[in-house]
Protein backbone atom coordinates (compact mmCIF):
# COMPACT_ATOMS: atom_id res chain seq x y z
CA MET A 1 106.97 85.35 118.58
CA LYS A 2 104.90 85.33 115.15
CA HIS A 3 105.13 81.51 114.63
CA GLU A 4 103.57 81.50 118.93
CA ASN A 5 100.74 83.98 117.71
CA HIS A 6 99.56 81.92 114.46
CA ALA A 7 99.94 78.33 116.10
CA PHE A 8 97.88 79.89 119.29
CA LYS A 9 95.45 80.98 116.27
CA MET A 10 95.01 77.69 115.50
CA VAL A 11 94.11 76.30 118.50
CA LEU A 12 91.38 78.74 118.65
CA MET A 13 89.82 77.84 115.12
CA THR A 14 90.24 73.69 116.78
CA ARG A 15 88.21 75.33 119.80
CA ILE A 16 85.84 76.89 117.69
CA TYR A 17 85.16 74.18 115.55
CA THR A 18 85.09 71.68 118.60
CA ASP A 19 82.67 73.77 119.86
CA SER A 20 80.53 74.43 116.63
CA SER A 21 79.99 70.33 116.04
CA ASN A 22 77.41 68.31 117.95
CA SER A 23 77.92 68.65 121.36
CA ASN A 24 78.64 64.38 121.67
CA THR A 25 81.35 64.54 119.23
CA MET A 26 84.05 65.43 121.91
CA LYS A 27 82.69 63.43 125.01
CA PHE A 28 85.06 60.84 123.87
CA GLN A 29 84.88 59.49 127.80
CA HIS A 30 82.56 56.87 126.98
CA LEU A 31 85.42 55.73 124.02
CA LEU A 32 87.85 54.05 126.43
CA PRO A 33 86.45 50.72 125.79
CA LEU A 34 87.02 50.98 122.14
CA ALA A 35 90.36 51.14 122.60
CA LYS A 36 90.43 46.96 123.59
CA GLN A 37 88.04 46.51 119.83
CA ILE A 38 90.62 48.12 117.74
CA LYS A 39 94.37 46.64 116.57
CA PRO A 40 96.69 48.73 118.77
CA GLU A 41 99.15 48.36 115.65
CA ILE A 42 96.63 50.08 113.37
CA LEU A 43 95.83 52.76 115.52
CA GLN A 44 99.62 53.35 116.01
CA TYR A 45 100.53 53.33 111.96
CA VAL A 46 98.06 55.90 111.51
CA ILE A 47 99.24 58.01 113.79
CA GLN A 48 102.76 57.47 112.34
CA ILE A 49 101.80 58.11 109.25
CA ILE A 50 99.87 61.41 110.73
CA THR A 51 103.33 62.57 112.85
CA TYR A 52 105.58 61.80 109.45
CA LEU A 53 102.95 64.22 107.24
CA ALA A 54 103.53 66.70 110.07
CA SER A 55 107.36 66.79 110.29
CA GLN A 56 107.38 67.24 106.43
CA GLN A 57 105.17 70.62 106.31
CA THR A 58 106.42 73.80 106.62
CA GLY A 59 104.29 75.81 108.70
CA THR A 60 100.94 74.48 110.40
CA PHE A 61 99.79 71.17 109.92
CA ASN A 62 95.98 70.92 110.89
CA SER A 63 94.24 67.95 109.77
CA VAL A 64 90.41 66.91 109.54
CA PHE A 65 88.83 63.87 111.14
CA TYR A 66 85.42 63.12 109.18
CA ASP A 67 83.08 60.78 110.13
CA VAL A 68 80.27 60.12 108.18
CA LYS A 69 78.20 58.12 110.62
CA SER A 70 75.06 60.62 111.97
CA THR A 71 74.81 58.52 115.51
CA GLU A 72 77.47 57.68 117.70
CA PRO A 73 79.92 59.73 115.71
CA TYR A 74 83.63 59.26 116.76
CA ASN A 75 82.66 55.48 118.17
CA ASN A 76 85.41 54.43 116.77
CA LEU A 77 89.47 54.86 115.39
CA LEU A 78 88.77 58.66 114.73
CA GLY A 79 87.86 59.25 118.50
CA LEU A 80 91.11 57.38 119.61
CA LEU A 81 93.21 59.98 117.40
CA LEU A 82 91.75 62.82 118.56
CA GLN A 83 92.18 61.73 122.24
CA SER A 84 96.12 60.14 121.15
CA PRO A 85 98.37 62.34 123.02
CA GLN A 86 100.90 61.57 119.97
CA LEU A 87 99.20 64.25 118.07
CA ASN A 88 98.57 66.90 120.91
CA HIS A 89 101.09 68.93 118.64
CA ILE A 90 98.65 68.81 115.88
CA VAL A 91 95.72 71.02 114.65
CA LYS A 92 92.60 68.40 115.00
CA ILE A 93 89.11 69.85 113.10
CA PRO A 94 86.78 67.41 113.85
CA ALA A 95 83.46 67.38 111.11
CA ASN A 96 80.43 65.13 110.45
CA THR A 97 77.35 65.48 108.03
CA THR A 98 76.20 68.48 110.22
CA PHE A 99 79.58 70.73 109.37
CA VAL A 100 79.91 73.99 108.69
CA LYS A 101 81.50 75.25 106.13
CA THR A 102 84.50 77.59 106.35
CA THR A 103 86.78 79.09 103.98
CA PHE A 104 89.85 78.47 107.32
CA CYS A 105 89.57 74.28 106.32
CA ARG A 106 90.19 74.68 102.46
CA GLN A 107 94.58 74.34 102.73
CA SER A 108 93.80 71.66 105.16
CA SER A 109 96.85 69.67 104.73
CA LEU A 110 95.23 66.04 105.42
CA MET A 111 91.82 64.20 106.04
CA VAL A 112 90.97 61.35 107.75
CA ILE A 113 87.54 60.26 106.88
CA HIS A 114 86.12 56.81 108.47
CA ILE A 115 83.01 55.61 106.23
CA GLY A 116 80.54 54.14 108.82
CA ASN A 117 78.13 51.41 107.15
CA SER A 118 75.93 50.76 104.16
CA GLU A 119 73.23 51.73 106.01
CA ASP A 120 74.94 55.17 106.16
CA LEU A 121 74.06 55.91 102.68
CA ASN A 122 71.82 58.88 103.59
CA TRP A 123 74.46 61.08 104.41
CA HIS A 124 75.68 61.12 100.39
CA ASP A 125 74.23 64.46 99.12
CA ASN A 126 75.09 66.50 102.69
CA PHE A 127 78.95 64.67 101.93
CA MET A 128 79.46 65.45 98.78
CA SER A 129 78.27 69.22 98.88
CA ILE A 130 80.93 69.15 102.18
CA MET A 131 83.74 67.54 100.21
CA ARG A 132 83.94 70.76 97.91
CA THR A 133 84.12 73.18 100.64
CA TRP A 134 87.86 71.31 100.59
CA ASP A 135 90.84 72.07 97.93
CA SER A 136 91.14 69.31 95.78
CA ARG A 137 95.23 68.84 96.66
CA ILE A 138 93.90 67.53 100.26
CA ARG A 139 95.46 64.11 101.21
CA ILE A 140 92.51 61.83 101.63
CA LEU A 141 92.88 58.28 104.27
CA LEU A 142 89.76 56.12 104.22
CA LEU A 143 89.86 53.84 107.05
CA VAL A 144 87.93 50.20 106.27
CA GLU A 145 87.04 47.42 107.54
CA ASP A 146 86.54 44.68 105.54
CA THR A 147 82.76 44.37 105.59
CA GLN A 148 83.16 48.36 104.47
CA TRP A 149 85.11 47.57 101.01
CA ALA A 150 82.25 47.76 98.77
CA LEU A 151 81.12 50.76 99.99
CA ALA A 152 84.89 52.00 100.19
CA LEU A 153 85.00 52.20 96.41
CA ILE A 154 81.74 53.92 95.52
CA VAL A 155 83.11 56.52 98.33
CA ARG A 156 86.77 56.62 96.30
CA PHE A 157 85.17 56.79 93.03
CA TRP A 158 82.71 60.08 94.16
CA LEU A 159 85.74 61.61 95.56
CA TYR A 160 88.03 61.01 92.82
CA ASN A 161 85.23 61.75 89.26
CA THR A 162 83.62 64.16 90.81
CA ASN A 163 85.26 66.55 93.70
CA LYS A 164 88.68 65.47 91.80
CA PHE A 165 90.61 64.29 94.51
CA PHE A 166 93.42 62.89 93.55
CA LYS A 167 95.46 61.80 96.68
CA ILE A 168 93.33 59.28 97.79
CA ILE A 169 94.63 56.29 100.00
CA ILE A 170 91.95 53.70 101.58
CA LEU A 171 93.65 51.69 104.75
CA ASN A 172 92.47 48.50 105.38
CA MET A 173 92.29 48.09 108.93
CA THR A 174 91.44 44.70 108.52
CA SER A 175 94.83 43.36 106.43
CA LYS A 176 96.35 46.60 107.20
CA THR A 177 96.76 47.03 103.51
CA ILE A 178 97.21 50.19 101.32
CA HIS A 179 94.79 50.74 98.50
CA ARG A 180 96.47 53.72 96.95
CA THR A 181 94.65 55.76 93.69
CA GLU A 182 96.61 56.12 90.34
CA PHE A 183 96.77 59.11 88.46
CA ASP A 184 94.36 57.40 85.63
CA GLY A 185 91.89 56.70 88.17
CA GLY A 186 93.18 52.88 89.05
CA VAL A 187 93.73 50.85 91.99
CA LYS A 188 97.44 49.62 93.21
CA VAL A 189 97.33 47.57 96.33
CA ILE A 190 100.47 47.32 98.42
CA SER A 191 101.03 45.66 101.61
CA HIS A 192 103.52 46.68 104.47
CA VAL A 193 103.87 50.66 103.19
CA GLU A 194 106.15 52.30 105.36
CA PRO A 195 104.27 55.59 106.41
CA SER A 196 106.99 57.91 104.61
CA GLU A 197 105.72 56.02 101.41
CA VAL A 198 102.27 56.05 101.91
CA PHE A 199 101.28 58.91 100.36
CA VAL A 200 102.99 59.12 96.98
CA ASP A 201 102.93 61.75 94.33
CA PRO A 202 101.04 60.27 91.40
CA LYS A 203 101.72 62.97 89.09
CA ARG A 204 105.71 62.81 89.36
CA ASP A 205 105.89 59.77 86.17
CA LEU A 206 102.86 60.16 83.95
CA LYS A 207 104.93 57.70 81.70
CA GLY A 208 104.32 59.85 78.44
CA LYS A 209 100.88 60.86 79.08
CA ARG A 210 99.85 64.03 76.97
CA PHE A 211 99.74 67.20 78.97
CA TYR A 212 97.64 69.51 76.98
CA TYR A 213 97.92 73.52 77.09
CA ASN A 214 95.72 76.10 75.17
CA LEU A 215 96.64 79.61 73.68
CA LEU A 216 94.54 82.25 71.54
CA SER A 217 96.67 85.04 70.80
CA LEU A 218 100.37 85.58 70.83
CA SER A 219 102.73 87.86 72.29
CA GLN A 220 106.50 88.51 73.69
CA ARG A 221 105.09 85.21 75.86
CA ALA A 222 104.22 83.03 73.32
CA ALA A 223 105.08 83.74 69.61
CA ILE A 224 105.53 81.56 66.63
CA VAL A 225 108.68 81.30 64.81
CA ASP A 226 108.69 79.17 61.65
CA GLU A 227 106.14 77.21 62.41
CA GLU A 228 106.86 76.78 66.29
CA LEU A 229 105.38 78.01 68.97
CA ILE A 230 108.35 79.53 71.60
CA GLY A 231 108.33 81.89 74.47
CA PRO A 232 108.49 81.57 78.48
CA ASP A 233 104.96 80.42 78.89
CA VAL A 234 105.36 77.70 76.16
CA ARG A 235 109.18 76.46 77.50
CA TRP A 236 107.49 76.40 80.87
CA VAL A 237 104.68 74.19 80.28
CA LYS A 238 107.31 71.74 77.94
CA GLU A 239 109.92 71.98 80.49
CA THR A 240 107.31 70.99 83.18
CA ALA A 241 106.08 68.12 81.17
CA ARG A 242 109.05 66.76 80.42
CA PHE A 243 109.84 66.87 84.84
CA LEU A 244 106.82 64.84 84.54
CA ASN A 245 107.73 62.09 81.48
CA ALA A 246 104.40 63.67 79.95
CA THR A 247 104.04 64.74 76.14
CA PRO A 248 103.47 68.29 75.87
CA ARG A 249 100.59 69.03 73.09
CA LEU A 250 98.89 72.45 71.98
CA ALA A 251 94.71 71.95 71.96
CA SER A 252 93.33 73.57 69.23
CA ASN A 253 90.60 75.78 70.01
CA PRO A 254 86.67 75.58 68.95
CA CYS A 255 85.72 78.48 70.26
CA PRO A 256 84.87 81.66 68.19
CA THR A 257 87.33 84.53 68.93
CA GLU A 258 84.53 87.20 69.33
CA ARG A 259 84.75 88.47 72.99
CA ASN A 260 81.14 88.40 73.64
CA SER A 261 81.04 84.51 73.20
CA LEU A 262 84.82 83.55 74.01
CA GLY A 263 83.80 84.27 78.18
CA PHE A 264 81.25 81.59 78.04
CA CYS A 265 82.62 79.01 76.00
CA TYR A 266 86.32 79.22 76.62
CA GLN A 267 85.87 79.09 80.07
CA SER A 268 83.07 76.93 80.75
CA ALA A 269 82.38 74.40 77.25
CA PHE A 270 86.13 74.47 76.54
CA LEU A 271 88.52 74.53 79.80
CA GLY A 272 85.80 72.91 81.94
CA GLN A 273 85.22 70.08 80.13
CA SER A 274 88.63 69.00 78.39
CA ASP A 275 91.81 67.51 79.34
CA ILE A 276 93.68 70.73 78.81
CA VAL A 277 95.43 71.62 81.69
CA ILE A 278 96.51 75.08 81.55
CA GLY A 279 95.21 77.99 79.36
CA LEU A 280 97.97 80.42 78.50
CA ASP A 281 96.15 83.44 77.79
CA ARG A 282 96.56 86.02 80.72
CA LEU A 283 93.47 86.96 82.10
CA SER A 284 92.57 89.53 84.99
CA ARG A 285 89.82 89.69 87.12
CA HIS A 286 87.83 92.55 88.98
CA GLY A 287 87.46 90.17 92.02
CA THR A 288 88.62 86.68 93.45
CA SER A 289 87.08 84.01 95.43
CA PRO A 290 88.65 81.44 97.66
CA ASN A 291 86.59 79.33 95.88
CA PHE A 292 87.48 79.87 92.41
CA ASP A 293 90.99 77.14 92.51
CA ARG A 294 91.07 77.29 89.15
CA GLN A 295 93.91 80.48 88.09
CA LEU A 296 97.40 80.30 89.11
CA TYR A 297 98.60 84.08 89.31
CA CYS A 298 101.30 84.90 87.40
CA ILE A 299 104.61 86.66 89.02
CA THR A 300 104.86 89.87 86.93
CA PRO A 301 101.75 91.75 86.80
CA MET A 302 100.78 92.49 83.62
CA TRP A 303 100.26 96.28 81.90
CA SER A 304 99.33 97.89 78.53
CA ALA A 305 101.50 100.03 76.47
CA VAL A 306 101.57 102.44 73.56
CA LEU A 307 103.07 101.81 70.29
CA VAL A 308 103.97 105.51 68.75
CA PRO A 309 105.50 106.24 65.01
CA ASN A 310 108.92 106.66 65.22
CA GLY A 311 110.67 110.09 63.78
CA ARG A 312 112.04 111.55 60.80
CA GLN A 313 115.98 110.13 59.77
CA LEU A 314 118.02 112.87 60.44
CA ASN A 315 118.59 115.75 57.67
CA LEU A 316 122.45 116.34 56.96
CA VAL A 317 122.85 119.38 58.70
CA GLU A 318 121.57 117.75 61.96
CA LEU A 319 123.96 114.52 61.41
CA PHE A 320 126.62 116.82 60.99
CA SER A 321 126.02 118.66 64.21
CA LYS A 322 124.49 115.69 66.43
CA PRO A 323 127.91 114.17 67.58
CA PHE A 324 127.87 117.13 69.85
CA THR A 325 125.84 119.32 71.56
CA TRP A 326 124.90 122.77 71.33
CA LYS A 327 126.54 123.88 74.60
CA ALA A 328 129.88 121.66 73.11
CA TRP A 329 129.62 123.39 69.67
CA THR A 330 129.04 126.81 72.16
CA CYS A 331 132.41 126.67 73.61
CA LEU A 332 134.83 125.80 70.55
CA LEU A 333 133.37 128.14 68.94
CA VAL A 334 133.80 130.74 71.76
CA VAL A 335 137.15 129.66 71.90
CA LEU A 336 138.10 130.27 68.30
CA LEU A 337 136.22 133.56 68.05
CA ALA A 338 138.39 135.24 70.93
CA MET A 339 141.74 133.82 69.22
CA GLU A 340 140.87 135.34 66.08
CA LEU A 341 140.11 138.35 67.76
CA LEU A 342 143.28 138.58 70.11
CA LYS A 343 144.74 138.07 66.67
CA LEU A 344 143.10 141.16 65.23
CA LEU A 345 143.91 143.30 68.48
CA LEU A 346 147.56 142.36 69.37
CA ARG A 347 148.93 142.63 65.73
CA GLY A 348 152.28 140.88 65.81
CA LEU A 349 151.91 138.75 68.67
CA PHE A 350 150.78 135.52 66.60
CA GLU A 351 151.90 134.92 63.33
CA ASN A 352 149.90 131.86 62.23
CA ASP A 353 146.04 131.50 62.14
CA PRO A 354 144.31 130.10 65.12
CA ILE A 355 141.51 128.75 62.64
CA LEU A 356 143.85 127.04 60.15
CA LEU A 357 146.64 125.84 62.82
CA ALA A 358 143.98 124.42 65.15
CA ILE A 359 141.73 122.70 62.91
CA CYS A 360 143.78 121.97 59.91
CA GLY A 361 146.69 121.78 60.77
CA ILE A 362 148.16 124.47 58.15
CA GLU A 363 151.11 126.31 59.33
CA LYS A 364 152.12 129.72 58.08
CA TYR A 365 155.26 130.18 60.49
CA ASN A 366 157.33 127.51 61.73
CA LEU A 367 155.87 127.19 65.56
CA HIS A 368 159.03 126.26 66.77
CA ARG A 369 160.56 129.46 66.18
CA ALA A 370 157.30 131.31 67.45
CA SER A 371 157.18 133.11 70.80
CA TRP A 372 156.59 131.28 73.95
CA PHE A 373 153.33 132.66 74.66
CA GLU A 374 152.50 131.88 70.91
CA LYS A 375 153.67 128.39 71.96
CA LEU A 376 151.88 128.68 75.04
CA MET A 377 148.14 129.25 73.38
CA PHE A 378 148.68 127.10 70.21
CA PHE A 379 149.99 123.98 71.51
CA SER A 380 147.04 123.73 74.23
CA LEU A 381 144.73 124.53 71.26
CA ILE A 382 146.17 122.01 69.22
CA VAL A 383 145.57 119.43 71.89
CA ILE A 384 142.18 120.67 72.75
CA PHE A 385 141.17 120.35 69.29
CA PHE A 386 142.77 117.20 68.19
CA LEU A 387 140.65 115.12 70.88
CA MET A 388 137.74 116.74 69.88
CA THR A 389 138.13 115.89 66.19
CA THR A 390 139.10 112.81 66.46
CA GLY A 391 135.74 111.94 68.93
CA TYR A 392 133.86 113.72 66.04
CA GLU A 393 135.46 111.64 63.18
CA ALA A 394 134.56 108.13 65.42
CA LYS A 395 130.68 109.69 66.19
CA ILE A 396 130.27 110.63 62.91
CA ILE A 397 131.25 107.71 60.96
CA ALA A 398 128.95 105.66 64.00
CA LEU A 399 125.93 107.87 62.36
CA MET A 400 126.70 107.53 59.16
CA THR A 401 126.62 103.57 59.84
CA GLU A 402 123.48 103.45 61.81
CA ARG A 403 121.59 107.24 60.97
CA PRO A 404 119.45 107.28 63.99
CA SER A 405 116.29 109.25 63.65
CA THR A 406 114.14 112.31 65.36
CA GLN A 407 112.09 110.94 68.59
CA VAL A 408 109.65 113.73 68.25
CA ILE A 409 107.20 111.46 71.18
CA ARG A 410 108.70 110.08 74.54
CA THR A 411 106.70 110.43 77.46
CA ILE A 412 102.47 109.87 77.19
CA ASN A 413 102.67 113.79 78.16
CA GLU A 414 104.09 114.40 75.04
CA LEU A 415 101.63 111.99 73.07
CA ILE A 416 98.86 113.85 74.96
CA LYS A 417 100.33 117.16 73.58
CA SER A 418 100.96 115.57 70.25
CA GLY A 419 97.40 115.34 69.19
CA LEU A 420 98.10 111.80 67.69
CA LYS A 421 95.19 109.77 67.74
CA VAL A 422 95.43 106.33 69.48
CA LYS A 423 93.96 103.15 67.84
CA ALA A 424 92.72 100.20 70.32
CA ASP A 425 91.05 97.14 69.86
CA LEU A 426 87.76 97.79 72.14
CA ARG A 427 87.14 94.04 72.06
CA TYR A 428 90.45 93.06 74.52
CA PHE A 429 90.95 96.30 75.87
CA PRO A 430 87.11 97.83 76.26
CA ARG A 431 87.97 99.96 79.94
CA VAL A 432 90.96 102.32 78.00
CA VAL A 433 88.40 104.55 76.99
CA ASN A 434 88.05 105.34 80.73
CA SER A 435 91.36 106.25 80.75
CA THR A 436 92.35 109.91 82.48
CA THR A 437 95.50 110.49 80.11
CA ILE A 438 95.05 108.79 76.89
CA GLY A 439 90.77 107.87 76.74
CA PRO A 440 90.11 110.81 74.74
CA LEU A 441 92.69 109.94 72.11
CA ILE A 442 91.33 106.51 71.60
CA VAL A 443 90.20 104.91 68.72
CA ASN A 444 88.61 101.22 67.85
CA ALA A 445 90.58 99.52 65.41
CA SER A 446 91.05 95.80 64.71
CA ILE A 447 94.07 94.49 65.81
CA SER A 448 94.83 93.00 62.86
CA GLU A 449 94.88 96.08 61.42
CA GLN A 450 98.62 96.98 60.19
CA MET A 451 100.22 99.97 61.13
CA ASP A 452 99.49 103.19 59.54
CA GLY A 453 102.84 104.99 60.64
CA VAL A 454 100.31 107.80 61.65
CA ASN A 455 98.62 106.99 64.32
CA ALA A 456 99.50 105.41 67.60
CA TYR A 457 98.82 101.88 68.95
CA PHE A 458 97.58 100.52 72.27
CA THR A 459 97.76 96.52 72.87
CA GLY A 460 99.24 94.47 75.92
CA TYR A 461 103.45 95.08 76.76
CA ASP A 462 104.47 91.74 75.57
CA ALA A 463 102.40 91.89 72.35
CA ALA A 464 104.11 95.95 72.17
CA LYS A 465 107.49 94.04 72.25
CA LEU A 466 106.84 91.61 70.04
CA THR A 467 105.41 93.90 67.38
CA GLU A 468 108.55 96.25 67.73
CA THR A 469 110.74 93.91 65.81
CA LEU A 470 108.29 92.08 63.58
CA TYR A 471 108.79 92.78 59.42
CA ILE A 472 105.93 94.74 58.44
CA ASN A 473 107.31 97.40 61.81
CA TYR A 474 111.14 97.38 60.33
CA ASP A 475 111.80 99.69 57.17
CA GLN A 476 114.43 97.98 55.00
CA GLU A 477 115.45 100.62 53.25
CA GLN A 478 116.23 103.44 56.08
CA ASN A 479 117.10 100.17 58.41
CA ARG A 480 115.41 101.39 61.31
CA LYS A 481 111.71 100.87 62.87
CA ARG A 482 108.85 102.37 61.97
CA TYR A 483 107.06 102.46 65.65
CA ILE A 484 108.78 102.24 69.00
CA LEU A 485 107.64 101.52 72.28
CA LEU A 486 107.02 104.62 74.88
CA PRO A 487 108.87 103.23 78.17
CA GLU A 488 105.58 104.39 80.70
CA PRO A 489 103.58 101.49 81.57
CA VAL A 490 99.33 101.77 81.05
CA ASN A 491 96.70 100.33 82.60
CA MET A 492 98.65 97.60 84.82
CA SER A 493 96.72 94.57 86.39
CA ILE A 494 97.45 91.83 88.41
CA VAL A 495 96.94 88.66 86.10
CA PHE A 496 96.28 84.83 86.13
CA TYR A 497 96.28 81.53 84.14
CA THR A 498 93.31 79.45 83.99
CA LEU A 499 93.42 76.21 84.71
CA GLN A 500 91.10 72.78 84.79
CA PHE A 501 88.43 72.48 87.28
CA ARG A 502 90.11 71.13 90.67
CA THR A 503 93.59 70.42 88.43
CA LYS A 504 95.94 67.66 90.07
CA PHE A 505 98.81 70.08 88.23
CA PHE A 506 98.40 73.40 90.36
CA GLU A 507 101.03 72.53 92.80
CA ILE A 508 103.59 71.44 89.96
CA LEU A 509 102.84 73.94 88.23
CA TYR A 510 103.36 77.14 91.09
CA TRP A 511 106.74 75.62 91.70
CA THR A 512 108.23 74.92 88.50
CA GLN A 513 106.91 78.98 87.41
CA ARG A 514 108.73 80.40 90.42
CA VAL A 515 111.53 77.98 90.15
CA PHE A 516 112.29 79.60 86.09
CA PHE A 517 111.34 83.01 87.24
CA GLU A 518 114.11 83.03 90.20
CA SER A 519 116.79 81.29 88.43
CA GLY A 520 116.42 83.77 85.49
CA LEU A 521 115.32 81.41 82.75
CA THR A 522 112.42 83.15 81.72
CA ALA A 523 113.85 85.94 81.18
CA ARG A 524 116.33 84.37 78.94
CA TRP A 525 113.61 82.47 76.59
CA ALA A 526 111.58 85.97 76.52
CA GLU A 527 115.03 87.65 75.14
CA GLU A 528 115.62 84.65 72.77
CA VAL A 529 112.09 85.34 71.49
CA LEU A 530 112.96 88.86 70.41
CA LYS A 531 116.18 87.67 68.76
CA GLN A 532 115.19 85.12 66.50
CA TYR A 533 112.37 87.26 65.63
CA ARG A 534 114.78 90.28 64.63
CA HIS A 535 117.41 87.78 62.68
CA ASP A 536 113.87 86.97 60.30
CA VAL A 537 113.53 90.89 60.06
CA LEU A 538 117.46 91.71 59.09
CA ASP A 539 120.23 89.80 58.54
CA PRO A 540 123.04 91.15 60.56
CA SER A 541 125.94 90.51 57.68
CA GLU A 542 123.73 92.56 55.32
CA ALA A 543 122.84 95.20 57.80
CA ALA A 544 127.26 95.20 58.32
CA ILE A 545 127.47 96.63 55.01
CA LEU A 546 127.89 100.43 54.03
CA ARG A 547 125.67 101.22 50.90
CA PHE A 548 126.71 104.20 48.84
CA LYS A 549 123.91 106.32 50.25
CA ASP A 550 124.98 105.55 53.76
CA ILE A 551 128.29 107.56 53.28
CA THR A 552 126.63 110.36 51.50
CA PRO A 553 127.51 112.80 54.36
CA ALA A 554 131.24 111.52 53.52
CA TRP A 555 130.77 112.83 49.59
CA VAL A 556 129.20 116.03 50.97
CA ALA A 557 131.71 116.86 52.92
CA LEU A 558 134.45 116.15 50.59
CA ALA A 559 132.39 118.27 48.13
CA THR A 560 132.19 121.05 50.29
CA GLY A 561 135.88 120.82 51.33
CA LEU A 562 136.81 121.33 47.80
CA VAL A 563 134.56 123.81 46.93
CA LEU A 564 136.26 125.99 49.76
CA CYS A 565 139.77 125.19 49.02
CA GLY A 566 139.05 125.86 44.96
CA ILE A 567 137.24 129.13 46.48
CA VAL A 568 140.67 130.12 48.58
CA LEU A 569 142.84 128.76 45.69
CA GLY A 570 141.11 131.37 43.41
CA LEU A 571 141.56 134.02 45.79
CA GLU A 572 145.76 133.41 46.63
CA ILE A 573 145.96 133.20 42.96
CA LEU A 574 143.92 136.67 42.10
CA SER A 575 146.04 138.12 44.92
CA ALA A 576 149.54 136.82 43.56
CA GLN A 577 148.31 138.26 40.23
CA LYS A 578 147.39 141.73 41.07
CA ARG A 579 149.63 141.80 44.29
CA VAL A 580 146.51 142.49 46.14
CA SER A 581 145.95 140.58 49.45
CA ILE A 582 143.07 138.17 50.28
CA GLN A 583 141.61 140.61 52.57
CA GLY A 584 141.92 143.18 50.18
CA LEU A 585 139.87 141.11 47.59
CA LEU A 586 136.85 140.32 49.88
CA LEU A 587 136.79 143.78 51.17
CA GLN A 588 136.96 144.56 47.19
CA VAL A 589 133.81 141.79 46.76
CA MET A 590 132.08 142.98 49.62
CA VAL A 591 132.14 146.79 48.79
CA ALA A 592 131.01 145.72 45.00
CA ILE A 593 127.95 143.87 46.52
CA ARG A 594 126.99 147.19 48.44
CA VAL A 595 127.33 149.39 46.04
CA SER A 596 125.01 147.12 43.54
CA SER A 597 122.53 146.88 46.49
CA LEU A 598 122.35 149.99 46.89
CA CYS A 599 121.63 151.56 43.45
CA LYS A 600 118.53 148.70 43.27
CA PHE A 601 117.39 151.00 46.08
CA ARG A 602 117.54 154.09 44.13
CA LYS A 603 116.20 152.70 41.64
CA GLN A 604 112.76 151.15 43.47
């Protein structure tokens, strides 16, 4: 049903164009004797060409029949084509020098032009103006006689050099020869061409011709590693050039990088007047026009992001408490305290100490000879703490190998609450000051300024991903990043690449861009850029080596354990010599401390 509605609209548009043209253009009855003057094989040959092109196109095939004669239009082969019942399934758009420009015709599939005679040269200005209405990718079939050959070459020159049409075929209706326009503008004469081989893509083999591209700013999509330009956009252009048997070349940019002078120079003087096929800088535009055919939209949108300073490294207390959450620590303490209270309240029920047995594995009394209740309680306690201590040891070793940082800022809201200033280069992001979220925090700064480790930075997401892995953003001593990227996107926009004026490569670039994206190669090439940058920052073999300061927590834990063991050993020795229990010694020490504090209080 959807296809039928679309076909109905196309037929309706055909009628509208027909009615809007000169009234004489649709009165084909007087052209019936013309069929005897035109060779039937020529008429059938053109019909076969049109029919083949229509069968190869998905969607609606519409063709334009343009007669440059101002008097008695369509009194030629075009009139017979419009009347042919073999072409009734094709949308036909008649046009002449009085044709009204419309957006609908830009994406026409084929244009058949009958040139006329040399006395019709007065239509030149109007003809060239009308031809700019159509997209440069349209196929053009010029129908000429031997007597019109000189005029046909002039028209072909105008179409190729001025309006940048490149799919131009001249059909000599007298000799039935094909004159095909090559990629470099030359003409190749071919005889006895099958209808399926009339229109051949001239770009498929460029024979090593240079394929120029340009780049102004670096990002994850185009970066320099070891003096080589890499990235998904660069690989896309290089692989497209290789597919076309061309030689990719990076063109130097003579334009200044200042924003106020970059627009005119880069868009007009540089890309407009040179052989550069595509500019890899992704640009955005407030509005679009169907007449603007120099933009190839990116598949994915572009957004900006914020880099915030990384938090400080964990201290020893935080490091030792990091393996478990506070809920887990609370649960363990509650279990141990409950066992200790149970032992104190029910004297004689437990022979062993819960903390010493569960954590340290010290038995005061053989557990195999203990009561069944003590076995039940302590066996379950031993299993629980064995699993917990094993997990704790593995986690603490991992934290010592790569000590994490305290991430203070995780979201845009936390950034706003923190009060940090956000530096941005307003030459490239002038509208960020109008942002309702981070606008009040923006401070103007040069994009080449080194990050100070205090303020946050606003830039494009791809550039931020690349900056995150730069050498200047990596703390070699502490083995961590100085800045991290907030995951929330800011100021998302639709972007496009700037192409050469009425470029011949739009279709192939459009196709290869989607092929690489849908196959996953674009994402893979982007990851390769980050991997190469990370390799430059830190050698993985050196990062895996533990240094003395990395195992400082282990030395602290060992020293703390030795001190506690020494204190307990000293108390045991004293209790053995004075025949006093350790609890009694501790009680005497506490009493002595209490008495000394009371004496000081009374003196005051």
